[in-house]
Amino acid sequence: IDKSLGDKYYNYIVNYINNKTEHLTSYHSRE
């Protein structure tokens, strides 16, 4: 994790991953 990128960048990507993988329960499928 690049700590210099800021919360806005981090939250944008985390929210995107959550939205796209919410139908998956297995961590390795989400990965």
Full PDB file with SEQRES, HELIX, SHEET, SSBOND, CRYST1, ORIGX, SCALE, CONECT and MASTER records, all heavy atoms in Angstrom:
SEQRES   1 A   31  ILE ASP LYS SER LEU GLY ASP LYS TYR TYR ASN TYR ILE          
SEQRES   2 A   31  VAL ASN TYR ILE ASN ASN LYS THR GLU HIS LEU THR SER          
SEQRES   3 A   31  TYR HIS SER ARG GLU                                          
HELIX    1 AA1 ASP A    7  THR A   21  1                                  15    
HELIX    2 AA2 TYR A   27  ARG A   30  1                                   4    
CRYST1    1.000    1.000    1.000  90.00  90.00  90.00 P 1           1          
ORIGX1      1.000000  0.000000  0.000000        0.00000                         
ORIGX2      0.000000  1.000000  0.000000        0.00000                         
ORIGX3      0.000000  0.000000  1.000000        0.00000                         
SCALE1      1.000000  0.000000  0.000000        0.00000                         
SCALE2      0.000000  1.000000  0.000000        0.00000                         
SCALE3      0.000000  0.000000  1.000000        0.00000                         
ATOM      1  N   ILE A   1       0.851  -1.186   0.000  1.00  0.00           N  
ATOM      2  CA  ILE A   1       0.000   0.000   0.000  1.00  0.00           C  
ATOM      3  C   ILE A   1       0.887   1.236   0.000  1.00  0.00           C  
ATOM      4  O   ILE A   1       1.782   1.376   0.845  1.00  0.00           O  
ATOM      5  CB  ILE A   1      -0.926   0.009   1.232  1.00  0.00           C  
ATOM      6  CG1 ILE A   1      -1.906  -1.163   1.154  1.00  0.00           C  
ATOM      7  CG2 ILE A   1      -1.685   1.334   1.334  1.00  0.00           C  
ATOM      8  CD1 ILE A   1      -2.786  -1.315   2.373  1.00  0.00           C  
ATOM      9  N   ASP A   2       0.637   2.114  -0.954  1.00  0.00           N  
ATOM     10  CA  ASP A   2       1.363   3.381  -1.047  1.00  0.00           C  
ATOM     11  C   ASP A   2       0.673   4.382  -0.118  1.00  0.00           C  
ATOM     12  O   ASP A   2      -0.438   4.837  -0.391  1.00  0.00           O  
ATOM     13  CB  ASP A   2       1.344   3.874  -2.495  1.00  0.00           C  
ATOM     14  CG  ASP A   2       2.187   5.119  -2.704  1.00  0.00           C  
ATOM     15  OD1 ASP A   2       2.542   5.773  -1.700  1.00  0.00           O  
ATOM     16  OD2 ASP A   2       2.482   5.451  -3.866  1.00  0.00           O  
ATOM     17  N   LYS A   3       1.323   4.741   0.978  1.00  0.00           N  
ATOM     18  CA  LYS A   3       0.701   5.582   2.003  1.00  0.00           C  
ATOM     19  C   LYS A   3       0.593   7.050   1.579  1.00  0.00           C  
ATOM     20  O   LYS A   3      -0.047   7.842   2.258  1.00  0.00           O  
ATOM     21  CB  LYS A   3       1.517   5.471   3.295  1.00  0.00           C  
ATOM     22  CG  LYS A   3       1.502   4.075   3.903  1.00  0.00           C  
ATOM     23  CD  LYS A   3       2.524   3.926   5.024  1.00  0.00           C  
ATOM     24  CE  LYS A   3       2.177   4.787   6.222  1.00  0.00           C  
ATOM     25  NZ  LYS A   3       3.151   4.560   7.328  1.00  0.00           N  
ATOM     26  N   SER A   4       1.211   7.420   0.469  1.00  0.00           N  
ATOM     27  CA  SER A   4       1.227   8.829   0.054  1.00  0.00           C  
ATOM     28  C   SER A   4       0.038   9.214  -0.826  1.00  0.00           C  
ATOM     29  O   SER A   4      -0.102  10.378  -1.190  1.00  0.00           O  
ATOM     30  CB  SER A   4       2.525   9.124  -0.702  1.00  0.00           C  
ATOM     31  OG  SER A   4       2.542   8.421  -1.947  1.00  0.00           O  
ATOM     32  N   LEU A   5      -0.832   8.263  -1.175  1.00  0.00           N  
ATOM     33  CA  LEU A   5      -1.861   8.536  -2.183  1.00  0.00           C  
ATOM     34  C   LEU A   5      -3.087   9.254  -1.631  1.00  0.00           C  
ATOM     35  O   LEU A   5      -3.856   9.839  -2.388  1.00  0.00           O  
ATOM     36  CB  LEU A   5      -2.277   7.226  -2.863  1.00  0.00           C  
ATOM     37  CG  LEU A   5      -1.174   6.568  -3.687  1.00  0.00           C  
ATOM     38  CD1 LEU A   5      -1.617   5.204  -4.185  1.00  0.00           C  
ATOM     39  CD2 LEU A   5      -0.773   7.448  -4.857  1.00  0.00           C  
ATOM     40  N   GLY A   6      -3.348   9.162  -0.357  1.00  0.00           N  
ATOM     41  CA  GLY A   6      -4.457   9.905   0.229  1.00  0.00           C  
ATOM     42  C   GLY A   6      -5.728   9.092   0.361  1.00  0.00           C  
ATOM     43  O   GLY A   6      -5.943   8.091  -0.330  1.00  0.00           O  
ATOM     44  N   ASP A   7      -6.612   9.562   1.262  1.00  0.00           N  
ATOM     45  CA  ASP A   7      -7.844   8.838   1.579  1.00  0.00           C  
ATOM     46  C   ASP A   7      -8.821   8.788   0.407  1.00  0.00           C  
ATOM     47  O   ASP A   7      -9.516   7.792   0.219  1.00  0.00           O  
ATOM     48  CB  ASP A   7      -8.536   9.481   2.785  1.00  0.00           C  
ATOM     49  CG  ASP A   7      -7.757   9.270   4.068  1.00  0.00           C  
ATOM     50  OD1 ASP A   7      -6.894   8.374   4.089  1.00  0.00           O  
ATOM     51  OD2 ASP A   7      -7.999  10.013   5.043  1.00  0.00           O  
ATOM     52  N   LYS A   8      -8.902   9.855  -0.371  1.00  0.00           N  
ATOM     53  CA  LYS A   8      -9.864   9.904  -1.477  1.00  0.00           C  
ATOM     54  C   LYS A   8      -9.571   8.806  -2.497  1.00  0.00           C  
ATOM     55  O   LYS A   8     -10.474   8.092  -2.967  1.00  0.00           O  
ATOM     56  CB  LYS A   8      -9.835  11.276  -2.139  1.00  0.00           C  
ATOM     57  CG  LYS A   8     -10.971  11.523  -3.113  1.00  0.00           C  
ATOM     58  CD  LYS A   8     -10.953  12.965  -3.610  1.00  0.00           C  
ATOM     59  CE  LYS A   8     -12.109  13.207  -4.583  1.00  0.00           C  
ATOM     60  NZ  LYS A   8     -12.089  14.610  -5.093  1.00  0.00           N  
ATOM     61  N   TYR A   9      -8.312   8.650  -2.833  1.00  0.00           N  
ATOM     62  CA  TYR A   9      -7.873   7.614  -3.775  1.00  0.00           C  
ATOM     63  C   TYR A   9      -8.140   6.230  -3.187  1.00  0.00           C  
ATOM     64  O   TYR A   9      -8.712   5.357  -3.840  1.00  0.00           O  
ATOM     65  CB  TYR A   9      -6.383   7.804  -4.055  1.00  0.00           C  
ATOM     66  CG  TYR A   9      -5.763   6.831  -5.028  1.00  0.00           C  
ATOM     67  CD1 TYR A   9      -5.714   7.120  -6.386  1.00  0.00           C  
ATOM     68  CD2 TYR A   9      -5.186   5.635  -4.592  1.00  0.00           C  
ATOM     69  CE1 TYR A   9      -5.120   6.246  -7.293  1.00  0.00           C  
ATOM     70  CE2 TYR A   9      -4.596   4.758  -5.484  1.00  0.00           C  
ATOM     71  CZ  TYR A   9      -4.562   5.066  -6.826  1.00  0.00           C  
ATOM     72  OH  TYR A   9      -3.982   4.201  -7.705  1.00  0.00           O  
ATOM     73  N   TYR A  10      -7.744   6.046  -1.935  1.00  0.00           N  
ATOM     74  CA  TYR A  10      -7.919   4.758  -1.258  1.00  0.00           C  
ATOM     75  C   TYR A  10      -9.392   4.382  -1.178  1.00  0.00           C  
ATOM     76  O   TYR A  10      -9.785   3.251  -1.527  1.00  0.00           O  
ATOM     77  CB  TYR A  10      -7.308   4.832   0.137  1.00  0.00           C  
ATOM     78  CG  TYR A  10      -7.470   3.571   0.960  1.00  0.00           C  
ATOM     79  CD1 TYR A  10      -6.579   2.504   0.810  1.00  0.00           C  
ATOM     80  CD2 TYR A  10      -8.508   3.443   1.877  1.00  0.00           C  
ATOM     81  CE1 TYR A  10      -6.719   1.345   1.566  1.00  0.00           C  
ATOM     82  CE2 TYR A  10      -8.657   2.285   2.632  1.00  0.00           C  
ATOM     83  CZ  TYR A  10      -7.764   1.245   2.469  1.00  0.00           C  
ATOM     84  OH  TYR A  10      -7.918   0.087   3.202  1.00  0.00           O  
ATOM     85  N   ASN A  11     -10.245   5.286  -0.747  1.00  0.00           N  
ATOM     86  CA  ASN A  11     -11.674   4.992  -0.577  1.00  0.00           C  
ATOM     87  C   ASN A  11     -12.365   4.726  -1.912  1.00  0.00           C  
ATOM     88  O   ASN A  11     -13.264   3.881  -2.006  1.00  0.00           O  
ATOM     89  CB  ASN A  11     -12.370   6.142   0.149  1.00  0.00           C  
ATOM     90  CG  ASN A  11     -11.944   6.251   1.605  1.00  0.00           C  
ATOM     91  OD1 ASN A  11     -11.547   5.255   2.216  1.00  0.00           O  
ATOM     92  ND2 ASN A  11     -11.992   7.450   2.163  1.00  0.00           N  
ATOM     93  N   TYR A  12     -11.940   5.426  -2.952  1.00  0.00           N  
ATOM     94  CA  TYR A  12     -12.518   5.214  -4.291  1.00  0.00           C  
ATOM     95  C   TYR A  12     -12.303   3.768  -4.731  1.00  0.00           C  
ATOM     96  O   TYR A  12     -13.225   3.088  -5.189  1.00  0.00           O  
ATOM     97  CB  TYR A  12     -11.859   6.179  -5.280  1.00  0.00           C  
ATOM     98  CG  TYR A  12     -12.318   6.027  -6.720  1.00  0.00           C  
ATOM     99  CD1 TYR A  12     -13.383   6.772  -7.213  1.00  0.00           C  
ATOM    100  CD2 TYR A  12     -11.660   5.155  -7.600  1.00  0.00           C  
ATOM    101  CE1 TYR A  12     -13.793   6.668  -8.543  1.00  0.00           C  
ATOM    102  CE2 TYR A  12     -12.059   5.033  -8.917  1.00  0.00           C  
ATOM    103  CZ  TYR A  12     -13.124   5.781  -9.381  1.00  0.00           C  
ATOM    104  OH  TYR A  12     -13.533   5.648 -10.695  1.00  0.00           O  
ATOM    105  N   ILE A  13     -11.079   3.276  -4.580  1.00  0.00           N  
ATOM    106  CA  ILE A  13     -10.758   1.914  -5.019  1.00  0.00           C  
ATOM    107  C   ILE A  13     -11.400   0.874  -4.108  1.00  0.00           C  
ATOM    108  O   ILE A  13     -11.953  -0.129  -4.588  1.00  0.00           O  
ATOM    109  CB  ILE A  13      -9.236   1.724  -5.102  1.00  0.00           C  
ATOM    110  CG1 ILE A  13      -8.685   2.583  -6.246  1.00  0.00           C  
ATOM    111  CG2 ILE A  13      -8.878   0.255  -5.323  1.00  0.00           C  
ATOM    112  CD1 ILE A  13      -7.182   2.552  -6.389  1.00  0.00           C  
ATOM    113  N   VAL A  14     -11.364   1.087  -2.806  1.00  0.00           N  
ATOM    114  CA  VAL A  14     -11.984   0.140  -1.876  1.00  0.00           C  
ATOM    115  C   VAL A  14     -13.479   0.016  -2.144  1.00  0.00           C  
ATOM    116  O   VAL A  14     -14.032  -1.098  -2.172  1.00  0.00           O  
ATOM    117  CB  VAL A  14     -11.733   0.570  -0.416  1.00  0.00           C  
ATOM    118  CG1 VAL A  14     -12.634  -0.216   0.545  1.00  0.00           C  
ATOM    119  CG2 VAL A  14     -10.271   0.350  -0.040  1.00  0.00           C  
ATOM    120  N   ASN A  15     -14.150   1.142  -2.349  1.00  0.00           N  
ATOM    121  CA  ASN A  15     -15.592   1.104  -2.643  1.00  0.00           C  
ATOM    122  C   ASN A  15     -15.867   0.404  -3.964  1.00  0.00           C  
ATOM    123  O   ASN A  15     -16.843  -0.346  -4.092  1.00  0.00           O  
ATOM    124  CB  ASN A  15     -16.161   2.531  -2.672  1.00  0.00           C  
ATOM    125  CG  ASN A  15     -16.219   3.159  -1.303  1.00  0.00           C  
ATOM    126  OD1 ASN A  15     -16.276   2.457  -0.289  1.00  0.00           O  
ATOM    127  ND2 ASN A  15     -16.187   4.483  -1.250  1.00  0.00           N  
ATOM    128  N   TYR A  16     -15.000   0.645  -4.943  1.00  0.00           N  
ATOM    129  CA  TYR A  16     -15.163  -0.018  -6.240  1.00  0.00           C  
ATOM    130  C   TYR A  16     -15.034  -1.535  -6.089  1.00  0.00           C  
ATOM    131  O   TYR A  16     -15.859  -2.298  -6.597  1.00  0.00           O  
ATOM    132  CB  TYR A  16     -14.122   0.515  -7.228  1.00  0.00           C  
ATOM    133  CG  TYR A  16     -14.099  -0.228  -8.536  1.00  0.00           C  
ATOM    134  CD1 TYR A  16     -15.114  -0.046  -9.465  1.00  0.00           C  
ATOM    135  CD2 TYR A  16     -13.091  -1.137  -8.836  1.00  0.00           C  
ATOM    136  CE1 TYR A  16     -15.114  -0.742 -10.666  1.00  0.00           C  
ATOM    137  CE2 TYR A  16     -13.085  -1.833 -10.030  1.00  0.00           C  
ATOM    138  CZ  TYR A  16     -14.096  -1.633 -10.940  1.00  0.00           C  
ATOM    139  OH  TYR A  16     -14.111  -2.333 -12.108  1.00  0.00           O  
ATOM    140  N   ILE A  17     -13.997  -1.988  -5.373  1.00  0.00           N  
ATOM    141  CA  ILE A  17     -13.802  -3.431  -5.170  1.00  0.00           C  
ATOM    142  C   ILE A  17     -14.981  -4.028  -4.421  1.00  0.00           C  
ATOM    143  O   ILE A  17     -15.500  -5.098  -4.792  1.00  0.00           O  
ATOM    144  CB  ILE A  17     -12.489  -3.689  -4.399  1.00  0.00           C  
ATOM    145  CG1 ILE A  17     -11.281  -3.277  -5.243  1.00  0.00           C  
ATOM    146  CG2 ILE A  17     -12.375  -5.165  -4.006  1.00  0.00           C  
ATOM    147  CD1 ILE A  17      -9.967  -3.281  -4.470  1.00  0.00           C  
ATOM    148  N   ASN A  18     -15.434  -3.367  -3.376  1.00  0.00           N  
ATOM    149  CA  ASN A  18     -16.577  -3.872  -2.600  1.00  0.00           C  
ATOM    150  C   ASN A  18     -17.820  -4.018  -3.463  1.00  0.00           C  
ATOM    151  O   ASN A  18     -18.542  -5.024  -3.394  1.00  0.00           O  
ATOM    152  CB  ASN A  18     -16.857  -2.946  -1.423  1.00  0.00           C  
ATOM    153  CG  ASN A  18     -15.822  -3.067  -0.324  1.00  0.00           C  
ATOM    154  OD1 ASN A  18     -15.085  -4.051  -0.263  1.00  0.00           O  
ATOM    155  ND2 ASN A  18     -15.748  -2.070   0.540  1.00  0.00           N  
ATOM    156  N   ASN A  19     -18.098  -2.991  -4.289  1.00  0.00           N  
ATOM    157  CA  ASN A  19     -19.293  -3.027  -5.136  1.00  0.00           C  
ATOM    158  C   ASN A  19     -19.225  -4.134  -6.175  1.00  0.00           C  
ATOM    159  O   ASN A  19     -20.226  -4.811  -6.454  1.00  0.00           O  
ATOM    160  CB  ASN A  19     -19.481  -1.672  -5.834  1.00  0.00           C  
ATOM    161  CG  ASN A  19     -19.890  -0.577  -4.876  1.00  0.00           C  
ATOM    162  OD1 ASN A  19     -20.451  -0.849  -3.815  1.00  0.00           O  
ATOM    163  ND2 ASN A  19     -19.593   0.664  -5.227  1.00  0.00           N  
ATOM    164  N   LYS A  20     -18.045  -4.350  -6.742  1.00  0.00           N  
ATOM    165  CA  LYS A  20     -17.914  -5.331  -7.824  1.00  0.00           C  
ATOM    166  C   LYS A  20     -17.827  -6.767  -7.319  1.00  0.00           C  
ATOM    167  O   LYS A  20     -18.101  -7.706  -8.070  1.00  0.00           O  
ATOM    168  CB  LYS A  20     -16.677  -5.024  -8.683  1.00  0.00           C  
ATOM    169  CG  LYS A  20     -16.718  -3.690  -9.402  1.00  0.00           C  
ATOM    170  CD  LYS A  20     -17.957  -3.522 -10.259  1.00  0.00           C  
ATOM    171  CE  LYS A  20     -18.058  -4.536 -11.358  1.00  0.00           C  
ATOM    172  NZ  LYS A  20     -19.270  -4.361 -12.181  1.00  0.00           N  
ATOM    173  N   THR A  21     -17.420  -6.944  -6.054  1.00  0.00           N  
ATOM    174  CA  THR A  21     -17.229  -8.308  -5.553  1.00  0.00           C  
ATOM    175  C   THR A  21     -18.233  -8.679  -4.457  1.00  0.00           C  
ATOM    176  O   THR A  21     -18.083  -9.727  -3.817  1.00  0.00           O  
ATOM    177  CB  THR A  21     -15.798  -8.494  -4.990  1.00  0.00           C  
ATOM    178  OG1 THR A  21     -15.613  -7.640  -3.853  1.00  0.00           O  
ATOM    179  CG2 THR A  21     -14.755  -8.171  -6.048  1.00  0.00           C  
ATOM    180  N   GLU A  22     -19.262  -7.857  -4.264  1.00  0.00           N  
ATOM    181  CA  GLU A  22     -20.191  -8.114  -3.161  1.00  0.00           C  
ATOM    182  C   GLU A  22     -20.982  -9.411  -3.336  1.00  0.00           C  
ATOM    183  O   GLU A  22     -21.506  -9.958  -2.356  1.00  0.00           O  
ATOM    184  CB  GLU A  22     -21.152  -6.931  -2.988  1.00  0.00           C  
ATOM    185  CG  GLU A  22     -22.051  -6.668  -4.174  1.00  0.00           C  
ATOM    186  CD  GLU A  22     -22.931  -5.450  -3.965  1.00  0.00           C  
ATOM    187  OE1 GLU A  22     -22.910  -4.900  -2.842  1.00  0.00           O  
ATOM    188  OE2 GLU A  22     -23.638  -5.057  -4.922  1.00  0.00           O  
ATOM    189  N   HIS A  23     -21.081  -9.932  -4.557  1.00  0.00           N  
ATOM    190  CA  HIS A  23     -21.806 -11.189  -4.785  1.00  0.00           C  
ATOM    191  C   HIS A  23     -20.961 -12.415  -4.441  1.00  0.00           C  
ATOM    192  O   HIS A  23     -21.459 -13.541  -4.482  1.00  0.00           O  
ATOM    193  CB  HIS A  23     -22.256 -11.269  -6.249  1.00  0.00           C  
ATOM    194  CG  HIS A  23     -21.141 -11.388  -7.241  1.00  0.00           C  
ATOM    195  ND1 HIS A  23     -20.224 -10.395  -7.449  1.00  0.00           N  
ATOM    196  CD2 HIS A  23     -20.777 -12.406  -8.077  1.00  0.00           C  
ATOM    197  CE1 HIS A  23     -19.349 -10.766  -8.373  1.00  0.00           C  
ATOM    198  NE2 HIS A  23     -19.665 -11.985  -8.768  1.00  0.00           N  
ATOM    199  N   LEU A  24     -19.692 -12.208  -4.101  1.00  0.00           N  
ATOM    200  CA  LEU A  24     -18.783 -13.315  -3.817  1.00  0.00           C  
ATOM    201  C   LEU A  24     -18.522 -13.412  -2.306  1.00  0.00           C  
ATOM    202  O   LEU A  24     -18.222 -12.406  -1.657  1.00  0.00           O  
ATOM    203  CB  LEU A  24     -17.456 -13.111  -4.551  1.00  0.00           C  
ATOM    204  CG  LEU A  24     -17.547 -12.967  -6.077  1.00  0.00           C  
ATOM    205  CD1 LEU A  24     -16.201 -12.540  -6.656  1.00  0.00           C  
ATOM    206  CD2 LEU A  24     -18.021 -14.260  -6.716  1.00  0.00           C  
ATOM    207  N   THR A  25     -18.613 -14.628  -1.770  1.00  0.00           N  
ATOM    208  CA  THR A  25     -18.347 -14.843  -0.339  1.00  0.00           C  
ATOM    209  C   THR A  25     -16.948 -15.381  -0.099  1.00  0.00           C  
ATOM    210  O   THR A  25     -16.367 -15.173   0.967  1.00  0.00           O  
ATOM    211  CB  THR A  25     -19.368 -15.824   0.266  1.00  0.00           C  
ATOM    212  OG1 THR A  25     -19.279 -17.089  -0.423  1.00  0.00           O  
ATOM    213  CG2 THR A  25     -20.785 -15.287   0.129  1.00  0.00           C  
ATOM    214  N   SER A  26     -16.390 -16.092  -1.063  1.00  0.00           N  
ATOM    215  CA  SER A  26     -15.055 -16.666  -0.929  1.00  0.00           C  
ATOM    216  C   SER A  26     -13.993 -15.587  -1.145  1.00  0.00           C  
ATOM    217  O   SER A  26     -14.010 -14.871  -2.151  1.00  0.00           O  
ATOM    218  CB  SER A  26     -14.860 -17.787  -1.955  1.00  0.00           C  
ATOM    219  OG  SER A  26     -13.488 -18.050  -2.161  1.00  0.00           O  
ATOM    220  N   TYR A  27     -13.046 -15.491  -0.215  1.00  0.00           N  
ATOM    221  CA  TYR A  27     -11.966 -14.516  -0.354  1.00  0.00           C  
ATOM    222  C   TYR A  27     -11.166 -14.764  -1.625  1.00  0.00           C  
ATOM    223  O   TYR A  27     -10.788 -13.824  -2.331  1.00  0.00           O  
ATOM    224  CB  TYR A  27     -11.037 -14.555   0.863  1.00  0.00           C  
ATOM    225  CG  TYR A  27      -9.765 -13.770   0.633  1.00  0.00           C  
ATOM    226  CD1 TYR A  27      -9.778 -12.382   0.628  1.00  0.00           C  
ATOM    227  CD2 TYR A  27      -8.553 -14.427   0.382  1.00  0.00           C  
ATOM    228  CE1 TYR A  27      -8.622 -11.659   0.385  1.00  0.00           C  
ATOM    229  CE2 TYR A  27      -7.396 -13.717   0.146  1.00  0.00           C  
ATOM    230  CZ  TYR A  27      -7.434 -12.331   0.143  1.00  0.00           C  
ATOM    231  OH  TYR A  27      -6.286 -11.613  -0.104  1.00  0.00           O  
ATOM    232  N   HIS A  28     -10.901 -16.019  -1.955  1.00  0.00           N  
ATOM    233  CA  HIS A  28     -10.042 -16.309  -3.103  1.00  0.00           C  
ATOM    234  C   HIS A  28     -10.740 -16.025  -4.435  1.00  0.00           C  
ATOM    235  O   HIS A  28     -10.084 -15.684  -5.413  1.00  0.00           O  
ATOM    236  CB  HIS A  28      -9.533 -17.749  -3.022  1.00  0.00           C  
ATOM    237  CG  HIS A  28      -8.598 -17.961  -1.875  1.00  0.00           C  
ATOM    238  ND1 HIS A  28      -8.970 -18.616  -0.723  1.00  0.00           N  
ATOM    239  CD2 HIS A  28      -7.310 -17.562  -1.686  1.00  0.00           C  
ATOM    240  CE1 HIS A  28      -7.951 -18.623   0.125  1.00  0.00           C  
ATOM    241  NE2 HIS A  28      -6.933 -18.004  -0.434  1.00  0.00           N  
ATOM    242  N   SER A  29     -12.068 -16.144  -4.471  1.00  0.00           N  
ATOM    243  CA  SER A  29     -12.800 -15.704  -5.657  1.00  0.00           C  
ATOM    244  C   SER A  29     -12.760 -14.181  -5.771  1.00  0.00           C  
ATOM    245  O   SER A  29     -12.573 -13.627  -6.855  1.00  0.00           O  
ATOM    246  CB  SER A  29     -14.251 -16.183  -5.599  1.00  0.00           C  
ATOM    247  OG  SER A  29     -14.341 -17.550  -5.910  1.00  0.00           O  
ATOM    248  N   ARG A  30     -12.933 -13.503  -4.636  1.00  0.00           N  
ATOM    249  CA  ARG A  30     -12.852 -12.038  -4.637  1.00  0.00           C  
ATOM    250  C   ARG A  30     -11.458 -11.586  -5.055  1.00  0.00           C  
ATOM    251  O   ARG A  30     -11.296 -10.607  -5.790  1.00  0.00           O  
ATOM    252  CB  ARG A  30     -13.195 -11.489  -3.249  1.00  0.00           C  
ATOM    253  CG  ARG A  30     -14.625 -11.749  -2.791  1.00  0.00           C  
ATOM    254  CD  ARG A  30     -14.898 -11.116  -1.441  1.00  0.00           C  
ATOM    255  NE  ARG A  30     -14.976  -9.679  -1.581  1.00  0.00           N  
ATOM    256  CZ  ARG A  30     -14.713  -8.802  -0.606  1.00  0.00           C  
ATOM    257  NH1 ARG A  30     -14.290  -9.239   0.569  1.00  0.00           N  
ATOM    258  NH2 ARG A  30     -14.839  -7.511  -0.809  1.00  0.00           N  
ATOM    259  N   GLU A  31     -10.458 -12.308  -4.597  1.00  0.00           N  
ATOM    260  CA  GLU A  31      -9.074 -11.969  -4.920  1.00  0.00           C  
ATOM    261  C   GLU A  31      -8.824 -12.084  -6.431  1.00  0.00           C  
ATOM    262  O   GLU A  31      -8.266 -11.171  -7.050  1.00  0.00           O  
ATOM    263  CB  GLU A  31      -8.144 -12.893  -4.150  1.00  0.00           C  
ATOM    264  CG  GLU A  31      -6.671 -12.630  -4.372  1.00  0.00           C  
ATOM    265  CD  GLU A  31      -5.805 -13.652  -3.654  1.00  0.00           C  
ATOM    266  OE1 GLU A  31      -6.058 -14.873  -3.831  1.00  0.00           O  
ATOM    267  OE2 GLU A  31      -4.878 -13.244  -2.944  1.00  0.00           O  
TER     268      GLU A  31                                                      
MASTER        0    0    0    2    0    0    0    6  267    1    0    3          
END                                                                             
